Protein backbone atom coordinates (compact mmCIF):
# COMPACT_ATOMS: atom_id res chain seq x y z
CA MET A 1 -50.41 -190.01 -10.93
CA ILE A 2 -52.41 -190.15 -7.63
CA ASP A 3 -56.07 -190.49 -7.55
CA PHE A 4 -57.77 -187.18 -6.90
CA ASP A 5 -61.29 -186.49 -5.82
CA GLU A 6 -61.73 -182.80 -7.03
CA GLU A 7 -60.00 -180.93 -10.24
CA LEU A 8 -59.74 -177.14 -10.27
CA ASP A 9 -58.84 -175.59 -13.57
CA LEU A 10 -57.31 -172.30 -12.95
CA CYS A 11 -55.73 -171.72 -16.36
CA GLY A 12 -55.58 -167.87 -17.42
CA LEU A 13 -55.79 -166.77 -13.77
CA SER A 14 -53.16 -164.65 -12.30
CA CYS A 15 -51.92 -163.93 -8.73
CA PRO A 16 -53.58 -163.99 -6.16
CA LEU A 17 -56.74 -165.89 -7.78
CA PRO A 18 -55.19 -169.32 -7.97
CA THR A 19 -54.20 -169.51 -4.60
CA LEU A 20 -57.43 -168.02 -3.20
CA ARG A 21 -59.57 -170.26 -5.30
CA ALA A 22 -57.48 -173.43 -4.39
CA SER A 23 -57.98 -172.31 -0.71
CA LYS A 24 -61.73 -171.93 -1.17
CA ALA A 25 -61.88 -175.43 -2.71
CA LEU A 26 -59.91 -177.02 -0.03
CA ALA A 27 -62.18 -175.44 2.57
CA SER A 28 -65.22 -177.30 1.05
CA MET A 29 -63.38 -180.72 1.09
CA SER A 30 -63.37 -183.38 3.72
CA SER A 31 -60.02 -184.43 5.44
CA GLY A 32 -57.90 -186.78 3.37
CA GLN A 33 -59.64 -185.58 -0.03
CA VAL A 34 -57.25 -184.59 -2.72
CA LEU A 35 -57.46 -181.57 -4.99
CA HIS A 36 -55.80 -181.63 -8.49
CA VAL A 37 -55.02 -178.00 -9.34
CA ILE A 38 -53.85 -176.90 -12.97
CA ALA A 39 -52.57 -173.28 -13.42
CA THR A 40 -50.68 -171.33 -16.04
CA ASP A 41 -49.48 -168.60 -13.70
CA PRO A 42 -45.64 -169.21 -12.94
CA GLY A 43 -46.41 -167.51 -9.32
CA THR A 44 -48.12 -170.51 -8.46
CA ALA A 45 -44.88 -172.42 -8.29
CA LYS A 46 -44.15 -170.48 -5.29
CA ASP A 47 -47.55 -169.29 -3.98
CA LEU A 48 -49.11 -172.60 -3.66
CA PRO A 49 -46.49 -174.53 -1.81
CA ALA A 50 -45.99 -171.49 0.60
CA PHE A 51 -50.08 -171.57 1.20
CA ILE A 52 -50.11 -175.37 1.59
CA LYS A 53 -47.18 -175.09 4.22
CA ASN A 54 -48.96 -172.37 6.26
CA SER A 55 -52.57 -173.92 6.05
CA GLY A 56 -51.38 -177.37 7.48
CA ASN A 57 -52.50 -179.15 4.29
CA LYS A 58 -50.10 -181.46 2.18
CA LEU A 59 -48.73 -180.73 -1.30
CA LEU A 60 -48.41 -184.48 -2.48
CA GLU A 61 -47.08 -183.70 -6.04
CA THR A 62 -46.13 -180.92 -8.41
CA ARG A 63 -44.99 -180.77 -11.79
CA GLU A 64 -44.66 -178.49 -14.72
CA GLU A 65 -45.50 -179.57 -18.27
CA ALA A 66 -45.87 -177.67 -21.49
CA GLY A 67 -46.29 -174.23 -19.69
CA LYS A 68 -48.90 -175.65 -17.22
CA PHE A 69 -48.26 -176.24 -13.43
CA TYR A 70 -50.08 -179.33 -11.93
CA TYR A 71 -50.37 -179.76 -8.11
CA LEU A 72 -51.92 -182.39 -5.97
CA LEU A 73 -53.15 -180.90 -2.69
CA GLN A 74 -54.32 -182.92 0.15
CA LYS A 75 -56.89 -181.72 2.62
CA ALA A 76 -55.50 -182.05 6.26
C-alpha cells in the first residue's frame, strides 16, 4: 500500500456524501498529498473515480475488501 497523509472514514454514508466529503478533504490538502478514503457505499466505485477524473486529481489505487471500498487519492 502507498503511504498516505490523511485518512477519511466514510463508512455508513451514502451518495452523495462520500464524494462531497472526499472533495472537501482534498481541497484542504497540499499538492502531492495523498488521501486514503474508506467507504461502504457501493456507489463510490463509480462516483469517486468520476469525481477524481473531472477534478484533475489522481486516483492512485482502489480496492474492495469485505464490503468496504478503499481509495488512495492524490491532490493535484
